[in-house]
Amino acid sequence: MTVLVNLRSPEEEKELIDFLNKKHYDYQKTDAPFLTTEQEREIIRRDKAFAEGKTSARDWEDVKRDLENVYR
């Protein structure tokens, strides 16, 4: 399993690392980008289109229906 955590401060990072160590969890820390450059560009493009009113948000029921079709 992979968990991605976006921390907002060095203090949060320290607290998280302390917690993981206290529980003896195995973990890997990386500052490498999670998304490819192409994925980042696509997100920025979509965000811009949404902000400019060129697209609308999808209804959550539509999203869930699409996901159900993918994972069945």
Protein backbone atom coordinates (compact mmCIF):
# COMPACT_ATOMS: atom_id res chain seq x y z
CA MET A 1 0.00 0.00 0.00
CA THR A 2 1.14 3.52 -0.73
CA VAL A 3 0.10 6.57 1.23
CA LEU A 4 0.85 10.08 0.02
CA VAL A 5 0.87 12.77 2.70
CA ASN A 6 1.16 16.47 1.91
CA LEU A 7 2.55 18.10 5.01
CA ARG A 8 2.20 21.81 5.62
CA SER A 9 5.16 22.38 7.90
CA PRO A 10 8.40 20.89 9.21
CA GLU A 11 6.66 20.41 12.56
CA GLU A 12 4.01 18.19 10.97
CA GLU A 13 6.73 16.16 9.30
CA LYS A 14 8.54 15.68 12.60
CA GLU A 15 5.32 14.62 14.33
CA LEU A 16 4.50 12.13 11.59
CA ILE A 17 8.00 10.63 11.60
CA ASP A 18 7.92 10.38 15.41
CA PHE A 19 4.55 8.60 15.24
CA LEU A 20 5.74 6.13 12.58
CA ASN A 21 8.89 5.37 14.53
CA LYS A 22 6.97 4.95 17.78
CA LYS A 23 4.69 2.38 16.13
CA HIS A 24 7.71 0.68 14.47
CA TYR A 25 6.19 1.13 11.02
CA ASP A 26 8.41 0.63 7.99
CA TYR A 27 8.26 3.66 5.70
CA GLN A 28 10.13 5.45 2.96
CA LYS A 29 10.45 9.19 2.82
CA THR A 30 10.87 10.88 -0.52
CA ASP A 31 10.55 14.41 -1.81
CA ALA A 32 10.35 13.17 -5.38
CA PRO A 33 7.37 14.36 -7.41
CA PHE A 34 4.40 12.02 -7.24
CA LEU A 35 3.04 13.01 -10.64
CA THR A 36 4.72 12.98 -14.00
CA THR A 37 5.27 16.30 -15.74
CA GLU A 38 2.51 15.43 -18.20
CA GLN A 39 0.09 14.70 -15.35
CA GLU A 40 0.96 17.99 -13.67
CA ARG A 41 0.32 19.89 -16.91
CA GLU A 42 -3.03 18.18 -17.36
CA ILE A 43 -4.13 19.10 -13.83
CA ILE A 44 -3.10 22.72 -14.34
CA ARG A 45 -4.92 22.83 -17.69
CA ARG A 46 -8.11 21.45 -16.17
CA ASP A 47 -7.93 23.76 -13.15
CA LYS A 48 -7.50 26.75 -15.45
CA ALA A 49 -10.43 25.69 -17.64
CA PHE A 50 -12.62 25.27 -14.57
CA ALA A 51 -11.58 28.66 -13.13
CA GLU A 52 -12.38 30.32 -16.47
CA GLY A 53 -15.84 28.73 -16.53
CA LYS A 54 -15.07 26.60 -19.58
CA THR A 55 -16.05 23.41 -17.79
CA SER A 56 -18.13 22.48 -14.81
CA ALA A 57 -17.63 20.16 -11.89
CA ARG A 58 -19.08 16.70 -12.33
CA ASP A 59 -21.80 15.44 -10.05
CA TRP A 60 -20.39 12.97 -7.50
CA GLU A 61 -22.98 10.36 -8.49
CA ASP A 62 -21.62 10.44 -12.07
CA VAL A 63 -18.08 9.96 -10.80
CA LYS A 64 -19.09 7.02 -8.58
CA ARG A 65 -20.98 5.41 -11.48
CA ASP A 66 -17.89 5.69 -13.69
CA LEU A 67 -15.69 4.17 -10.99
CA GLU A 68 -18.11 1.30 -10.44
CA ASN A 69 -17.92 0.50 -14.15
CA VAL A 70 -14.11 0.45 -14.04
CA TYR A 71 -13.77 -1.75 -10.96
CA ARG A 72 -16.40 -4.39 -11.76
